[in-house]
Amino acid sequence: MHGPGLWGIIIVAVVVVLLFGRGKISGMMGEMASGIKAFQKGMRDEDKPQLNASTQAEAPHETEKAKDA
């Protein structure tokens, strides 16, 4: 068995555009892109509290040193 040829891909693309329309397809792609960006932002936000917790743990030691001096 072989994969679809160039004409098969073109026919499928034309049918998809006719069924959904250009506006709906671009809207779906925009929604997918915003979902990916939100996921990436969520992954970055999960890393930040761990860094903040380590810096907050160090902060009391620094204030104790300042009081001793």
PDB file of N, CA and C in Angstrom:
ATOM      1  N   MET A   1       0.836  -1.175   0.000  1.00  0.00           N
ATOM      2  CA  MET A   1       0.000   0.000   0.000  1.00  0.00           C
ATOM      3  C   MET A   1       0.882   1.239   0.000  1.00  0.00           C
ATOM      4  N   HIS A   2       0.416   2.246  -0.651  1.00  0.00           N
ATOM      5  CA  HIS A   2       1.168   3.489  -0.713  1.00  0.00           C
ATOM      6  C   HIS A   2       0.315   4.634  -0.180  1.00  0.00           C
ATOM      7  N   GLY A   3       0.977   5.705   0.181  1.00  0.00           N
ATOM      8  CA  GLY A   3       0.283   6.860   0.737  1.00  0.00           C
ATOM      9  C   GLY A   3      -0.472   7.624  -0.336  1.00  0.00           C
ATOM     10  N   PRO A   4      -1.253   8.592   0.082  1.00  0.00           N
ATOM     11  CA  PRO A   4      -2.015   9.393  -0.891  1.00  0.00           C
ATOM     12  C   PRO A   4      -1.067  10.230  -1.748  1.00  0.00           C
ATOM     13  N   GLY A   5      -1.429  10.356  -2.994  1.00  0.00           N
ATOM     14  CA  GLY A   5      -0.626  11.148  -3.910  1.00  0.00           C
ATOM     15  C   GLY A   5      -0.955  12.623  -3.784  1.00  0.00           C
ATOM     16  N   LEU A   6      -0.339  13.403  -4.637  1.00  0.00           N
ATOM     17  CA  LEU A   6      -0.546  14.849  -4.624  1.00  0.00           C
ATOM     18  C   LEU A   6      -2.003  15.196  -4.895  1.00  0.00           C
ATOM     19  N   TRP A   7      -2.610  14.530  -5.876  1.00  0.00           N
ATOM     20  CA  TRP A   7      -4.007  14.823  -6.200  1.00  0.00           C
ATOM     21  C   TRP A   7      -4.940  14.444  -5.063  1.00  0.00           C
ATOM     22  N   GLY A   8      -4.664  13.383  -4.366  1.00  0.00           N
ATOM     23  CA  GLY A   8      -5.494  12.989  -3.227  1.00  0.00           C
ATOM     24  C   GLY A   8      -5.448  14.025  -2.109  1.00  0.00           C
ATOM     25  N   ILE A   9      -4.265  14.537  -1.851  1.00  0.00           N
ATOM     26  CA  ILE A   9      -4.116  15.560  -0.816  1.00  0.00           C
ATOM     27  C   ILE A   9      -4.856  16.840  -1.214  1.00  0.00           C
ATOM     28  N   ILE A  10      -4.753  17.217  -2.486  1.00  0.00           N
ATOM     29  CA  ILE A  10      -5.430  18.423  -2.965  1.00  0.00           C
ATOM     30  C   ILE A  10      -6.944  18.271  -2.856  1.00  0.00           C
ATOM     31  N   ILE A  11      -7.457  17.113  -3.224  1.00  0.00           N
ATOM     32  CA  ILE A  11      -8.905  16.885  -3.154  1.00  0.00           C
ATOM     33  C   ILE A  11      -9.393  16.939  -1.709  1.00  0.00           C
ATOM     34  N   VAL A  12      -8.662  16.328  -0.786  1.00  0.00           N
ATOM     35  CA  VAL A  12      -9.041  16.357   0.625  1.00  0.00           C
ATOM     36  C   VAL A  12      -9.008  17.791   1.150  1.00  0.00           C
ATOM     37  N   ALA A  13      -7.996  18.557   0.773  1.00  0.00           N
ATOM     38  CA  ALA A  13      -7.897  19.944   1.223  1.00  0.00           C
ATOM     39  C   ALA A  13      -9.071  20.774   0.701  1.00  0.00           C
ATOM     40  N   VAL A  14      -9.445  20.580  -0.559  1.00  0.00           N
ATOM     41  CA  VAL A  14     -10.573  21.321  -1.141  1.00  0.00           C
ATOM     42  C   VAL A  14     -11.869  20.955  -0.427  1.00  0.00           C
ATOM     43  N   VAL A  15     -12.081  19.679  -0.142  1.00  0.00           N
ATOM     44  CA  VAL A  15     -13.302  19.246   0.550  1.00  0.00           C
ATOM     45  C   VAL A  15     -13.359  19.841   1.957  1.00  0.00           C
ATOM     46  N   VAL A  16     -12.237  19.848   2.659  1.00  0.00           N
ATOM     47  CA  VAL A  16     -12.201  20.412   4.009  1.00  0.00           C
ATOM     48  C   VAL A  16     -12.522  21.898   3.971  1.00  0.00           C
ATOM     49  N   VAL A  17     -11.945  22.622   3.021  1.00  0.00           N
ATOM     50  CA  VAL A  17     -12.212  24.062   2.910  1.00  0.00           C
ATOM     51  C   VAL A  17     -13.675  24.300   2.559  1.00  0.00           C
ATOM     52  N   LEU A  18     -14.246  23.476   1.692  1.00  0.00           N
ATOM     53  CA  LEU A  18     -15.655  23.648   1.332  1.00  0.00           C
ATOM     54  C   LEU A  18     -16.585  23.362   2.516  1.00  0.00           C
ATOM     55  N   LEU A  19     -16.247  22.361   3.323  1.00  0.00           N
ATOM     56  CA  LEU A  19     -17.095  22.004   4.452  1.00  0.00           C
ATOM     57  C   LEU A  19     -17.010  23.027   5.590  1.00  0.00           C
ATOM     58  N   PHE A  20     -15.815  23.425   5.913  1.00  0.00           N
ATOM     59  CA  PHE A  20     -15.611  24.282   7.074  1.00  0.00           C
ATOM     60  C   PHE A  20     -15.476  25.759   6.725  1.00  0.00           C
ATOM     61  N   GLY A  21     -15.003  26.071   5.562  1.00  0.00           N
ATOM     62  CA  GLY A  21     -14.775  27.468   5.193  1.00  0.00           C
ATOM     63  C   GLY A  21     -13.438  27.961   5.716  1.00  0.00           C
ATOM     64  N   ARG A  22     -12.896  28.944   5.041  1.00  0.00           N
ATOM     65  CA  ARG A  22     -11.577  29.452   5.432  1.00  0.00           C
ATOM     66  C   ARG A  22     -11.607  30.103   6.806  1.00  0.00           C
ATOM     67  N   GLY A  23     -12.679  30.826   7.122  1.00  0.00           N
ATOM     68  CA  GLY A  23     -12.759  31.524   8.404  1.00  0.00           C
ATOM     69  C   GLY A  23     -12.777  30.585   9.583  1.00  0.00           C
ATOM     70  N   LYS A  24     -13.509  29.490   9.450  1.00  0.00           N
ATOM     71  CA  LYS A  24     -13.610  28.544  10.559  1.00  0.00           C
ATOM     72  C   LYS A  24     -12.284  27.821  10.787  1.00  0.00           C
ATOM     73  N   ILE A  25     -11.593  27.478   9.706  1.00  0.00           N
ATOM     74  CA  ILE A  25     -10.312  26.789   9.845  1.00  0.00           C
ATOM     75  C   ILE A  25      -9.289  27.716  10.493  1.00  0.00           C
ATOM     76  N   SER A  26      -9.231  28.977  10.065  1.00  0.00           N
ATOM     77  CA  SER A  26      -8.270  29.903  10.667  1.00  0.00           C
ATOM     78  C   SER A  26      -8.635  30.180  12.121  1.00  0.00           C
ATOM     79  N   GLY A  27      -9.915  30.214  12.442  1.00  0.00           N
ATOM     80  CA  GLY A  27     -10.338  30.387  13.831  1.00  0.00           C
ATOM     81  C   GLY A  27      -9.910  29.223  14.708  1.00  0.00           C
ATOM     82  N   MET A  28     -10.049  28.002  14.179  1.00  0.00           N
ATOM     83  CA  MET A  28      -9.628  26.822  14.940  1.00  0.00           C
ATOM     84  C   MET A  28      -8.121  26.826  15.155  1.00  0.00           C
ATOM     85  N   MET A  29      -7.366  27.244  14.143  1.00  0.00           N
ATOM     86  CA  MET A  29      -5.912  27.301  14.286  1.00  0.00           C
ATOM     87  C   MET A  29      -5.516  28.361  15.315  1.00  0.00           C
ATOM     88  N   GLY A  30      -6.226  29.481  15.334  1.00  0.00           N
ATOM     89  CA  GLY A  30      -5.955  30.524  16.321  1.00  0.00           C
ATOM     90  C   GLY A  30      -6.245  30.047  17.734  1.00  0.00           C
ATOM     91  N   GLU A  31      -7.349  29.323  17.896  1.00  0.00           N
ATOM     92  CA  GLU A  31      -7.686  28.784  19.207  1.00  0.00           C
ATOM     93  C   GLU A  31      -6.658  27.755  19.659  1.00  0.00           C
ATOM     94  N   MET A  32      -6.175  26.934  18.723  1.00  0.00           N
ATOM     95  CA  MET A  32      -5.169  25.943  19.074  1.00  0.00           C
ATOM     96  C   MET A  32      -3.869  26.631  19.491  1.00  0.00           C
ATOM     97  N   ALA A  33      -3.496  27.686  18.778  1.00  0.00           N
ATOM     98  CA  ALA A  33      -2.272  28.416  19.106  1.00  0.00           C
ATOM     99  C   ALA A  33      -2.381  29.072  20.482  1.00  0.00           C
ATOM    100  N   SER A  34      -3.538  29.656  20.789  1.00  0.00           N
ATOM    101  CA  SER A  34      -3.703  30.284  22.100  1.00  0.00           C
ATOM    102  C   SER A  34      -3.707  29.229  23.203  1.00  0.00           C
ATOM    103  N   GLY A  35      -4.236  28.045  22.912  1.00  0.00           N
ATOM    104  CA  GLY A  35      -4.189  26.959  23.890  1.00  0.00           C
ATOM    105  C   GLY A  35      -2.775  26.495  24.170  1.00  0.00           C
ATOM    106  N   ILE A  36      -1.967  26.419  23.141  1.00  0.00           N
ATOM    107  CA  ILE A  36      -0.569  26.017  23.312  1.00  0.00           C
ATOM    108  C   ILE A  36       0.182  27.071  24.121  1.00  0.00           C
ATOM    109  N   LYS A  37      -0.067  28.343  23.827  1.00  0.00           N
ATOM    110  CA  LYS A  37       0.588  29.422  24.577  1.00  0.00           C
ATOM    111  C   LYS A  37       0.178  29.398  26.040  1.00  0.00           C
ATOM    112  N   ALA A  38      -1.099  29.147  26.304  1.00  0.00           N
ATOM    113  CA  ALA A  38      -1.574  29.073  27.689  1.00  0.00           C
ATOM    114  C   ALA A  38      -0.938  27.889  28.412  1.00  0.00           C
ATOM    115  N   PHE A  39      -0.782  26.779  27.721  1.00  0.00           N
ATOM    116  CA  PHE A  39      -0.132  25.609  28.314  1.00  0.00           C
ATOM    117  C   PHE A  39       1.318  25.915  28.655  1.00  0.00           C
ATOM    118  N   GLN A  40       2.034  26.564  27.729  1.00  0.00           N
ATOM    119  CA  GLN A  40       3.426  26.913  27.979  1.00  0.00           C
ATOM    120  C   GLN A  40       3.547  27.882  29.143  1.00  0.00           C
ATOM    121  N   LYS A  41       2.641  28.851  29.235  1.00  0.00           N
ATOM    122  CA  LYS A  41       2.661  29.805  30.338  1.00  0.00           C
ATOM    123  C   LYS A  41       2.409  29.083  31.661  1.00  0.00           C
ATOM    124  N   GLY A  42       1.488  28.130  31.652  1.00  0.00           N
ATOM    125  CA  GLY A  42       1.219  27.351  32.852  1.00  0.00           C
ATOM    126  C   GLY A  42       2.420  26.530  33.288  1.00  0.00           C
ATOM    127  N   MET A  43       3.144  25.998  32.329  1.00  0.00           N
ATOM    128  CA  MET A  43       4.342  25.227  32.667  1.00  0.00           C
ATOM    129  C   MET A  43       5.412  26.140  33.265  1.00  0.00           C
ATOM    130  N   ARG A  44       5.542  27.359  32.726  1.00  0.00           N
ATOM    131  CA  ARG A  44       6.518  28.300  33.278  1.00  0.00           C
ATOM    132  C   ARG A  44       6.106  28.754  34.669  1.00  0.00           C
ATOM    133  N   ASP A  45       4.815  28.945  34.895  1.00  0.00           N
ATOM    134  CA  ASP A  45       4.330  29.394  36.195  1.00  0.00           C
ATOM    135  C   ASP A  45       4.542  28.341  37.269  1.00  0.00           C
ATOM    136  N   GLU A  46       4.521  27.071  36.898  1.00  0.00           N
ATOM    137  CA  GLU A  46       4.766  26.011  37.873  1.00  0.00           C
ATOM    138  C   GLU A  46       6.199  26.037  38.363  1.00  0.00           C
ATOM    139  N   ASP A  47       7.135  26.443  37.532  1.00  0.00           N
ATOM    140  CA  ASP A  47       8.535  26.491  37.925  1.00  0.00           C
ATOM    141  C   ASP A  47       8.825  27.675  38.842  1.00  0.00           C
ATOM    142  N   LYS A  48       8.123  28.773  38.692  1.00  0.00           N
ATOM    143  CA  LYS A  48       8.411  29.979  39.468  1.00  0.00           C
ATOM    144  C   LYS A  48       8.185  29.820  40.968  1.00  0.00           C
ATOM    145  N   PRO A  49       7.106  29.186  41.455  1.00  0.00           N
ATOM    146  CA  PRO A  49       6.942  29.062  42.909  1.00  0.00           C
ATOM    147  C   PRO A  49       8.077  28.279  43.564  1.00  0.00           C
ATOM    148  N   GLN A  50       8.638  27.316  42.871  1.00  0.00           N
ATOM    149  CA  GLN A  50       9.755  26.574  43.440  1.00  0.00           C
ATOM    150  C   GLN A  50      10.953  27.485  43.617  1.00  0.00           C
ATOM    151  N   LEU A  51      11.205  28.357  42.652  1.00  0.00           N
ATOM    152  CA  LEU A  51      12.310  29.291  42.766  1.00  0.00           C
ATOM    153  C   LEU A  51      12.034  30.300  43.865  1.00  0.00           C
ATOM    154  N   ASN A  52      10.807  30.779  43.980  1.00  0.00           N
ATOM    155  CA  ASN A  52      10.462  31.737  45.016  1.00  0.00           C
ATOM    156  C   ASN A  52      10.589  31.111  46.398  1.00  0.00           C
ATOM    157  N   ALA A  53      10.229  29.864  46.548  1.00  0.00           N
ATOM    158  CA  ALA A  53      10.325  29.194  47.839  1.00  0.00           C
ATOM    159  C   ALA A  53      11.781  29.081  48.270  1.00  0.00           C
ATOM    160  N   SER A  54      12.685  28.810  47.334  1.00  0.00           N
ATOM    161  CA  SER A  54      14.091  28.702  47.696  1.00  0.00           C
ATOM    162  C   SER A  54      14.664  30.061  48.049  1.00  0.00           C
ATOM    163  N   THR A  55      14.233  31.122  47.389  1.00  0.00           N
ATOM    164  CA  THR A  55      14.745  32.453  47.722  1.00  0.00           C
ATOM    165  C   THR A  55      14.152  32.941  49.035  1.00  0.00           C
ATOM    166  N   GLN A  56      12.916  32.562  49.349  1.00  0.00           N
ATOM    167  CA  GLN A  56      12.320  32.955  50.617  1.00  0.00           C
ATOM    168  C   GLN A  56      12.977  32.212  51.773  1.00  0.00           C
ATOM    169  N   ALA A  57      13.432  30.997  51.531  1.00  0.00           N
ATOM    170  CA  ALA A  57      14.108  30.237  52.578  1.00  0.00           C
ATOM    171  C   ALA A  57      15.455  30.873  52.902  1.00  0.00           C
ATOM    172  N   GLU A  58      16.091  31.486  51.910  1.00  0.00           N
ATOM    173  CA  GLU A  58      17.379  32.120  52.132  1.00  0.00           C
ATOM    174  C   GLU A  58      17.239  33.509  52.745  1.00  0.00           C
ATOM    175  N   ALA A  59      16.128  34.154  52.540  1.00  0.00           N
ATOM    176  CA  ALA A  59      15.945  35.523  52.993  1.00  0.00           C
ATOM    177  C   ALA A  59      16.058  35.673  54.516  1.00  0.00           C
ATOM    178  N   PRO A  60      15.488  34.804  55.375  1.00  0.00           N
ATOM    179  CA  PRO A  60      15.631  34.985  56.826  1.00  0.00           C
ATOM    180  C   PRO A  60      17.085  34.902  57.277  1.00  0.00           C
ATOM    181  N   HIS A  61      17.895  34.093  56.620  1.00  0.00           N
ATOM    182  CA  HIS A  61      19.292  33.984  56.990  1.00  0.00           C
ATOM    183  C   HIS A  61      20.016  35.299  56.735  1.00  0.00           C
ATOM    184  N   GLU A  62      19.671  35.961  55.670  1.00  0.00           N
ATOM    185  CA  GLU A  62      20.314  37.213  55.335  1.00  0.00           C
ATOM    186  C   GLU A  62      19.935  38.297  56.359  1.00  0.00           C
ATOM    187  N   THR A  63      18.690  38.302  56.811  1.00  0.00           N
ATOM    188  CA  THR A  63      18.279  39.307  57.782  1.00  0.00           C
ATOM    189  C   THR A  63      18.922  39.044  59.141  1.00  0.00           C
ATOM    190  N   GLU A  64      19.125  37.780  59.494  1.00  0.00           N
ATOM    191  CA  GLU A  64      19.804  37.458  60.758  1.00  0.00           C
ATOM    192  C   GLU A  64      21.242  37.939  60.715  1.00  0.00           C
ATOM    193  N   LYS A  65      21.904  37.788  59.568  1.00  0.00           N
ATOM    194  CA  LYS A  65      23.276  38.259  59.440  1.00  0.00           C
ATOM    195  C   LYS A  65      23.332  39.771  59.587  1.00  0.00           C
ATOM    196  N   ALA A  66      22.353  40.458  59.043  1.00  0.00           N
ATOM    197  CA  ALA A  66      22.330  41.916  59.130  1.00  0.00           C
ATOM    198  C   ALA A  66      22.104  42.369  60.569  1.00  0.00           C
ATOM    199  N   LYS A  67      21.295  41.631  61.339  1.00  0.00           N
ATOM    200  CA  LYS A  67      21.053  41.979  62.735  1.00  0.00           C
ATOM    201  C   LYS A  67      22.296  41.744  63.582  1.00  0.00           C
ATOM    202  N   ASP A  68      23.045  40.665  63.252  1.00  0.00           N
ATOM    203  CA  ASP A  68      24.243  40.349  64.033  1.00  0.00           C
ATOM    204  C   ASP A  68      25.344  41.374  63.803  1.00  0.00           C
ATOM    205  N   ALA A  69      25.386  41.968  62.669  1.00  0.00           N
ATOM    206  CA  ALA A  69      26.476  42.882  62.313  1.00  0.00           C
ATOM    207  C   ALA A  69      26.320  44.176  62.968  1.00  0.00           C
TER     208      ALA A  69
END
